[in-house]
C-alpha atoms as a PDB file:
ATOM      1  CA  MET A   1     -24.361 -83.650  69.143  1.00  0.00           C
ATOM      2  CA  PHE A   2     -24.723 -83.728  72.701  1.00  0.00           C
ATOM      3  CA  ASN A   3     -24.096 -87.351  73.107  1.00  0.00           C
ATOM      4  CA  LEU A   4     -26.000 -87.019  76.329  1.00  0.00           C
ATOM      5  CA  SER A   5     -25.652 -90.416  78.857  1.00  0.00           C
ATOM      6  CA  ARG A   6     -29.352 -91.975  79.098  1.00  0.00           C
ATOM      7  CA  ILE A   7     -30.189 -90.731  82.508  1.00  0.00           C
ATOM      8  CA  VAL A   8     -29.616 -87.428  81.997  1.00  0.00           C
ATOM      9  CA  LYS A   9     -31.455 -87.563  78.361  1.00  0.00           C
ATOM     10  CA  TYR A  10     -34.216 -89.238  80.071  1.00  0.00           C
ATOM     11  CA  LEU A  11     -34.343 -86.809  82.500  1.00  0.00           C
ATOM     12  CA  ILE A  12     -34.684 -83.689  79.893  1.00  0.00           C
ATOM     13  CA  TYR A  13     -37.442 -85.367  78.092  1.00  0.00           C
ATOM     14  CA  SER A  14     -39.352 -86.345  80.857  1.00  0.00           C
ATOM     15  CA  ASP A  15     -38.893 -81.648  82.249  1.00  0.00           C
ATOM     16  CA  LEU A  16     -39.190 -80.811  78.688  1.00  0.00           C
ATOM     17  CA  VAL A  17     -42.944 -82.684  78.643  1.00  0.00           C
ATOM     18  CA  PHE A  18     -43.524 -81.636  82.193  1.00  0.00           C
ATOM     19  CA  TYR A  19     -43.192 -78.547  82.293  1.00  0.00           C
ATOM     20  CA  THR A  20     -44.463 -77.687  78.734  1.00  0.00           C
ATOM     21  CA  GLY A  21     -47.686 -79.298  80.270  1.00  0.00           C
ATOM     22  CA  TRP A  22     -47.634 -76.691  82.826  1.00  0.00           C
ATOM     23  CA  GLY A  23     -46.964 -74.090  80.695  1.00  0.00           C
ATOM     24  CA  LEU A  24     -50.470 -74.235  79.138  1.00  0.00           C
ATOM     25  CA  ILE A  25     -51.845 -73.228  81.971  1.00  0.00           C
ATOM     26  CA  SER A  26     -49.173 -70.764  84.429  1.00  0.00           C
ATOM     27  CA  PRO A  27     -49.545 -67.558  82.459  1.00  0.00           C
ATOM     28  CA  ILE A  28     -53.250 -67.786  82.171  1.00  0.00           C
ATOM     29  CA  PHE A  29     -54.694 -69.273  85.923  1.00  0.00           C
ATOM     30  CA  ALA A  30     -54.847 -65.656  87.207  1.00  0.00           C
ATOM     31  CA  ILE A  31     -57.675 -65.733  84.575  1.00  0.00           C
ATOM     32  CA  PHE A  32     -58.714 -68.920  85.681  1.00  0.00           C
ATOM     33  CA  ILE A  33     -58.935 -67.542  89.353  1.00  0.00           C
ATOM     34  CA  LEU A  34     -60.657 -64.160  88.420  1.00  0.00           C
ATOM     35  CA  ASP A  35     -63.356 -65.634  86.084  1.00  0.00           C
ATOM     36  CA  SER A  36     -64.022 -69.147  87.681  1.00  0.00           C
ATOM     37  CA  ILE A  37     -63.634 -68.410  91.816  1.00  0.00           C
ATOM     38  CA  THR A  38     -66.492 -66.895  93.889  1.00  0.00           C
ATOM     39  CA  GLY A  39     -64.877 -64.155  94.663  1.00  0.00           C
ATOM     40  CA  GLY A  40     -61.851 -64.474  92.919  1.00  0.00           C
ATOM     41  CA  ASN A  41     -59.840 -61.331  92.564  1.00  0.00           C
ATOM     42  CA  ALA A  42     -55.793 -60.079  92.675  1.00  0.00           C
ATOM     43  CA  PHE A  43     -55.698 -60.878  96.123  1.00  0.00           C
ATOM     44  CA  VAL A  44     -56.857 -64.589  95.451  1.00  0.00           C
ATOM     45  CA  VAL A  45     -54.648 -64.712  92.160  1.00  0.00           C
ATOM     46  CA  GLY A  46     -51.141 -63.132  94.844  1.00  0.00           C
ATOM     47  CA  MET A  47     -51.801 -65.438  97.525  1.00  0.00           C
ATOM     48  CA  ALA A  48     -52.380 -68.697  95.686  1.00  0.00           C
ATOM     49  CA  ALA A  49     -49.279 -67.838  93.610  1.00  0.00           C
ATOM     50  CA  GLY A  50     -46.826 -66.576  96.518  1.00  0.00           C
ATOM     51  CA  ILE A  51     -48.881 -70.218  98.779  1.00  0.00           C
ATOM     52  CA  ASN A  52     -47.045 -72.162  96.203  1.00  0.00           C
ATOM     53  CA  LEU A  53     -43.915 -70.285  95.658  1.00  0.00           C
ATOM     54  CA  ILE A  54     -43.601 -70.007 100.177  1.00  0.00           C
ATOM     55  CA  VAL A  55     -44.251 -73.705 100.282  1.00  0.00           C
ATOM     56  CA  ARG A  56     -41.381 -75.448  97.797  1.00  0.00           C
ATOM     57  CA  SER A  57     -39.278 -72.956  98.843  1.00  0.00           C
ATOM     58  CA  ILE A  58     -39.430 -74.222 102.729  1.00  0.00           C
ATOM     59  CA  LEU A  59     -39.724 -77.962 101.781  1.00  0.00           C
ATOM     60  CA  ARG A  60     -36.678 -78.053  98.879  1.00  0.00           C
ATOM     61  CA  VAL A  61     -33.797 -78.077 101.553  1.00  0.00           C
ATOM     62  CA  PRO A  62     -35.297 -80.498 103.800  1.00  0.00           C
ATOM     63  CA  PHE A  63     -36.508 -82.939 100.851  1.00  0.00           C
ATOM     64  CA  GLY A  64     -33.385 -82.420  99.440  1.00  0.00           C
ATOM     65  CA  MET A  65     -30.800 -83.571 102.475  1.00  0.00           C
ATOM     66  CA  TYR A  66     -33.042 -86.612 103.261  1.00  0.00           C
ATOM     67  CA  ALA A  67     -32.773 -87.119  99.257  1.00  0.00           C
ATOM     68  CA  ASP A  68     -29.316 -87.318  99.199  1.00  0.00           C
ATOM     69  CA  LYS A  69     -29.028 -90.409 101.245  1.00  0.00           C
ATOM     70  CA  ASN A  70     -28.681 -91.831  98.450  1.00  0.00           C
ATOM     71  CA  GLN A  71     -30.519 -92.599  94.377  1.00  0.00           C
ATOM     72  CA  LYS A  72     -33.275 -94.960  96.002  1.00  0.00           C
ATOM     73  CA  THR A  73     -35.291 -91.747  97.561  1.00  0.00           C
ATOM     74  CA  SER A  74     -33.676 -89.509  95.263  1.00  0.00           C
ATOM     75  CA  TYR A  75     -35.826 -91.277  92.481  1.00  0.00           C
ATOM     76  CA  ASN A  76     -38.762 -91.785  95.015  1.00  0.00           C
ATOM     77  CA  PHE A  77     -38.552 -88.759  95.757  1.00  0.00           C
ATOM     78  CA  MET A  78     -38.205 -87.234  92.118  1.00  0.00           C
ATOM     79  CA  PHE A  79     -41.185 -89.760  91.056  1.00  0.00           C
ATOM     80  CA  TRP A  80     -44.106 -90.227  93.046  1.00  0.00           C
ATOM     81  CA  GLY A  81     -43.218 -86.330  93.710  1.00  0.00           C
ATOM     82  CA  LEU A  82     -44.043 -85.522  89.762  1.00  0.00           C
ATOM     83  CA  LEU A  83     -47.071 -88.111  90.042  1.00  0.00           C
ATOM     84  CA  ALA A  84     -48.655 -86.111  92.393  1.00  0.00           C
ATOM     85  CA  SER A  85     -48.220 -82.688  90.971  1.00  0.00           C
ATOM     86  CA  SER A  86     -49.524 -84.290  87.390  1.00  0.00           C
ATOM     87  CA  LEU A  87     -53.235 -84.975  89.368  1.00  0.00           C
ATOM     88  CA  ILE A  88     -53.318 -81.906  90.847  1.00  0.00           C
ATOM     89  CA  PRO A  89     -54.565 -79.530  87.880  1.00  0.00           C
ATOM     90  CA  ILE A  90     -58.148 -81.939  88.197  1.00  0.00           C
ATOM     91  CA  GLY A  91     -58.393 -81.028  91.272  1.00  0.00           C
ATOM     92  CA  PHE A  92     -58.321 -77.344  89.982  1.00  0.00           C
ATOM     93  CA  ILE A  93     -61.341 -78.461  88.200  1.00  0.00           C
ATOM     94  CA  PHE A  94     -63.628 -78.706  90.459  1.00  0.00           C
ATOM     95  CA  SER A  95     -62.737 -75.822  92.434  1.00  0.00           C
ATOM     96  CA  LYS A  96     -64.769 -72.862  93.347  1.00  0.00           C
ATOM     97  CA  THR A  97     -63.577 -71.011  96.415  1.00  0.00           C
ATOM     98  CA  ALA A  98     -60.145 -69.285  96.886  1.00  0.00           C
ATOM     99  CA  MET A  99     -59.795 -71.985 100.021  1.00  0.00           C
ATOM    100  CA  HIS A 100     -60.003 -74.764  97.274  1.00  0.00           C
ATOM    101  CA  VAL A 101     -57.543 -72.513  94.827  1.00  0.00           C
ATOM    102  CA  TYR A 102     -55.153 -71.946  98.029  1.00  0.00           C
ATOM    103  CA  PHE A 103     -55.208 -75.842  99.326  1.00  0.00           C
ATOM    104  CA  PHE A 104     -54.240 -77.200  95.661  1.00  0.00           C
ATOM    105  CA  GLN A 105     -51.883 -74.564  94.949  1.00  0.00           C
ATOM    106  CA  GLY A 106     -50.239 -75.896  98.585  1.00  0.00           C
ATOM    107  CA  LEU A 107     -49.972 -79.062  97.523  1.00  0.00           C
ATOM    108  CA  LEU A 108     -48.759 -77.949  93.728  1.00  0.00           C
ATOM    109  CA  GLY A 109     -45.709 -76.772  95.860  1.00  0.00           C
ATOM    110  CA  ALA A 110     -45.040 -79.267  98.359  1.00  0.00           C
ATOM    111  CA  THR A 111     -44.716 -81.869  95.944  1.00  0.00           C
ATOM    112  CA  LEU A 112     -42.909 -79.864  93.327  1.00  0.00           C
ATOM    113  CA  GLY A 113     -40.247 -79.309  96.038  1.00  0.00           C
ATOM    114  CA  LEU A 114     -40.375 -82.750  96.568  1.00  0.00           C
ATOM    115  CA  SER A 115     -40.003 -83.785  92.559  1.00  0.00           C
ATOM    116  CA  THR A 116     -37.157 -80.701  91.890  1.00  0.00           C
ATOM    117  CA  ALA A 117     -34.940 -82.473  95.498  1.00  0.00           C
ATOM    118  CA  GLY A 118     -35.157 -85.754  93.926  1.00  0.00           C
ATOM    119  CA  TRP A 119     -34.759 -84.469  90.367  1.00  0.00           C
ATOM    120  CA  ALA A 120     -31.341 -82.238  91.235  1.00  0.00           C
ATOM    121  CA  GLY A 121     -29.705 -84.811  93.030  1.00  0.00           C
ATOM    122  CA  ILE A 122     -30.012 -87.419  90.141  1.00  0.00           C
ATOM    123  CA  PHE A 123     -29.359 -85.207  87.754  1.00  0.00           C
ATOM    124  CA  ALA A 124     -25.929 -83.611  89.364  1.00  0.00           C
ATOM    125  CA  ARG A 125     -24.442 -87.057  90.043  1.00  0.00           C
ATOM    126  CA  HIS A 126     -24.510 -88.717  86.056  1.00  0.00           C
ATOM    127  CA  MET A 127     -23.982 -85.453  84.414  1.00  0.00           C
ATOM    128  CA  ASP A 128     -21.330 -86.239  82.225  1.00  0.00           C
ATOM    129  CA  LYS A 129     -17.893 -84.519  83.130  1.00  0.00           C
ATOM    130  CA  GLY A 130     -17.001 -81.630  81.733  1.00  0.00           C
ATOM    131  CA  LYS A 131     -20.861 -81.255  80.162  1.00  0.00           C
ATOM    132  CA  GLU A 132     -21.840 -79.822  83.441  1.00  0.00           C
ATOM    133  CA  SER A 133     -22.729 -76.685  81.968  1.00  0.00           C
ATOM    134  CA  THR A 134     -23.984 -77.322  78.519  1.00  0.00           C
ATOM    135  CA  GLU A 135     -25.939 -79.887  79.783  1.00  0.00           C
ATOM    136  CA  TRP A 136     -27.822 -77.689  82.997  1.00  0.00           C
ATOM    137  CA  GLY A 137     -28.171 -75.509  79.724  1.00  0.00           C
ATOM    138  CA  ILE A 138     -30.036 -78.114  77.794  1.00  0.00           C
ATOM    139  CA  ASP A 139     -32.423 -78.522  80.748  1.00  0.00           C
ATOM    140  CA  ALA A 140     -32.917 -74.263  80.839  1.00  0.00           C
ATOM    141  CA  VAL A 141     -33.620 -74.627  77.651  1.00  0.00           C
ATOM    142  CA  ALA A 142     -36.475 -77.568  77.445  1.00  0.00           C
ATOM    143  CA  VAL A 143     -37.822 -75.693  80.809  1.00  0.00           C
ATOM    144  CA  GLY A 144     -38.015 -72.141  78.915  1.00  0.00           C
ATOM    145  CA  LEU A 145     -38.766 -72.573  75.352  1.00  0.00           C
ATOM    146  CA  GLY A 146     -41.500 -75.571  76.101  1.00  0.00           C
ATOM    147  CA  PRO A 147     -43.719 -74.271  78.499  1.00  0.00           C
ATOM    148  CA  GLY A 148     -43.261 -70.645  77.011  1.00  0.00           C
ATOM    149  CA  ILE A 149     -44.876 -72.220  73.319  1.00  0.00           C
ATOM    150  CA  ALA A 150     -46.897 -73.570  75.761  1.00  0.00           C
ATOM    151  CA  ALA A 151     -48.456 -70.580  77.100  1.00  0.00           C
ATOM    152  CA  ALA A 152     -49.277 -69.150  73.122  1.00  0.00           C
ATOM    153  CA  VAL A 153     -50.854 -72.330  72.710  1.00  0.00           C
ATOM    154  CA  GLY A 154     -52.885 -72.558  76.259  1.00  0.00           C
ATOM    155  CA  GLY A 155     -54.551 -69.389  76.176  1.00  0.00           C
ATOM    156  CA  ILE A 156     -55.875 -70.646  72.319  1.00  0.00           C
ATOM    157  CA  ILE A 157     -57.267 -73.364  73.393  1.00  0.00           C
ATOM    158  CA  VAL A 158     -58.738 -71.838  76.770  1.00  0.00           C
ATOM    159  CA  THR A 159     -60.594 -69.302  73.662  1.00  0.00           C
ATOM    160  CA  PHE A 160     -62.158 -72.170  71.615  1.00  0.00           C
ATOM    161  CA  LEU A 161     -62.821 -74.576  74.767  1.00  0.00           C
ATOM    162  CA  SER A 162     -62.466 -74.286  77.805  1.00  0.00           C
ATOM    163  CA  PHE A 163     -59.959 -73.932  81.289  1.00  0.00           C
ATOM    164  CA  ASN A 164     -61.142 -77.646  81.954  1.00  0.00           C
ATOM    165  CA  PHE A 165     -59.718 -79.148  78.328  1.00  0.00           C
ATOM    166  CA  VAL A 166     -56.898 -77.451  79.657  1.00  0.00           C
ATOM    167  CA  PHE A 167     -56.320 -79.395  83.265  1.00  0.00           C
ATOM    168  CA  ILE A 168     -56.671 -82.632  81.832  1.00  0.00           C
ATOM    169  CA  LEU A 169     -54.473 -81.668  79.247  1.00  0.00           C
ATOM    170  CA  VAL A 170     -52.003 -80.523  81.639  1.00  0.00           C
ATOM    171  CA  THR A 171     -52.273 -84.163  84.094  1.00  0.00           C
ATOM    172  CA  ILE A 172     -51.947 -85.718  80.574  1.00  0.00           C
ATOM    173  CA  MET A 173     -48.832 -84.562  79.909  1.00  0.00           C
ATOM    174  CA  GLY A 174     -47.076 -84.779  83.301  1.00  0.00           C
ATOM    175  CA  LEU A 175     -48.520 -88.356  83.424  1.00  0.00           C
ATOM    176  CA  VAL A 176     -46.460 -88.997  80.810  1.00  0.00           C
ATOM    177  CA  GLY A 177     -43.434 -86.838  81.696  1.00  0.00           C
ATOM    178  CA  THR A 178     -43.326 -88.494  85.013  1.00  0.00           C
ATOM    179  CA  PHE A 179     -43.398 -92.669  83.667  1.00  0.00           C
ATOM    180  CA  LEU A 180     -40.800 -91.236  81.076  1.00  0.00           C
ATOM    181  CA  LEU A 181     -38.355 -91.580  84.353  1.00  0.00           C
ATOM    182  CA  ILE A 182     -39.153 -95.714  84.398  1.00  0.00           C
ATOM    183  CA  PHE A 183     -37.398 -96.448  81.674  1.00  0.00           C
ATOM    184  CA  ILE A 184     -34.321 -95.026  83.713  1.00  0.00           C
ATOM    185  CA  LYS A 185     -35.419 -96.366  87.280  1.00  0.00           C
ATOM    186  CA  HIS A 186     -32.791 -99.623  86.679  1.00  0.00           C
ATOM    187  CA  ASP A 187     -30.126 -97.154  84.884  1.00  0.00           C
ATOM    188  CA  VAL A 188     -30.097 -94.997  88.331  1.00  0.00           C
ATOM    189  CA  LEU A 189     -30.252 -97.800  91.107  1.00  0.00           C
ATOM    190  CA  ASN A 190     -28.710-100.154  89.249  1.00  0.00           C
ATOM    191  CA  LYS A 191     -25.452 -97.892  89.541  1.00  0.00           C
ATOM    192  CA  GLU A 192     -26.182 -97.528  93.380  1.00  0.00           C
ATOM    193  CA  CYS A 193     -25.852-100.579  93.987  1.00  0.00           C
ATOM    194  CA  GLN A 194     -22.773-101.004  91.692  1.00  0.00           C
ATOM    195  CA  ASN A 195     -21.319 -98.408  93.501  1.00  0.00           C
ATOM    196  CA  GLN A 196     -21.809-100.497  96.590  1.00  0.00           C
ATOM    197  CA  LYS A 197     -23.919 -97.899  99.000  1.00  0.00           C
ATOM    198  CA  LYS A 198     -26.856-100.323  99.300  1.00  0.00           C
ATOM    199  CA  ALA A 199     -29.494 -98.620  97.744  1.00  0.00           C
ATOM    200  CA  CYS A 200     -31.405-101.792  96.917  1.00  0.00           C
ATOM    201  CA  THR A 201     -31.132-105.835  96.930  1.00  0.00           C
ATOM    202  CA  PRO A 202     -30.485-108.112  94.499  1.00  0.00           C
ATOM    203  CA  LEU A 203     -34.159-109.352  94.126  1.00  0.00           C
ATOM    204  CA  GLU A 204     -34.867-105.325  93.297  1.00  0.00           C
ATOM    205  CA  ILE A 205     -32.258-105.502  91.010  1.00  0.00           C
ATOM    206  CA  ARG A 206     -33.625-108.382  89.089  1.00  0.00           C
ATOM    207  CA  ARG A 207     -37.371-107.048  89.223  1.00  0.00           C
ATOM    208  CA  LEU A 208     -35.576-103.983  87.834  1.00  0.00           C
ATOM    209  CA  LYS A 209     -34.309-105.789  85.086  1.00  0.00           C
ATOM    210  CA  LYS A 210     -37.679-106.781  83.680  1.00  0.00           C
ATOM    211  CA  LEU A 211     -38.683-102.728  83.186  1.00  0.00           C
ATOM    212  CA  ARG A 212     -34.852-101.697  81.273  1.00  0.00           C
ATOM    213  CA  ILE A 213     -35.675-100.424  77.866  1.00  0.00           C
ATOM    214  CA  PRO A 214     -32.757-100.474  75.396  1.00  0.00           C
END
């Protein structure tokens, strides 16, 4: 129906899976702090959320400026940032104090700032001409509708199982969303080489061809 380019499609798939995973826990994270963290209260909840958003906001532009150098940098930021973000829920399983939560929330803000900087650069460069608003809109639906549905599911899972189970599920979905990006690594880097931006060598291109999945 929308006939999206391969790169744009996989970027949206990755966003959908990754943020749907986080949608399982984000709306009920405050309850986790109140129930499972020593001294957990409204102050800790607010500080945890604030640290995440402040760190992400401060780092987003510097990361973006560096990612603009070439698509190889953008891809690395996107992939490794998402991968690191996906592992952070495991840290919450072992968190006992507010300082633990603050640390992992700050780390989450930094890794998401890194991944978003890379993702946005690649997405913007590969949007189909004349479909820019449509493709941004489709991604907005992916990161809104998926997590919205997941929010209700996450509450049910916690009620009948546990927060730890949800954290593990968030990590699994995050890793799936991250590894979807491997399927476009060749496309992203090879196209930049073809544009003579010298992001990768012929040897790297030969290696990347092995990763391509039609």
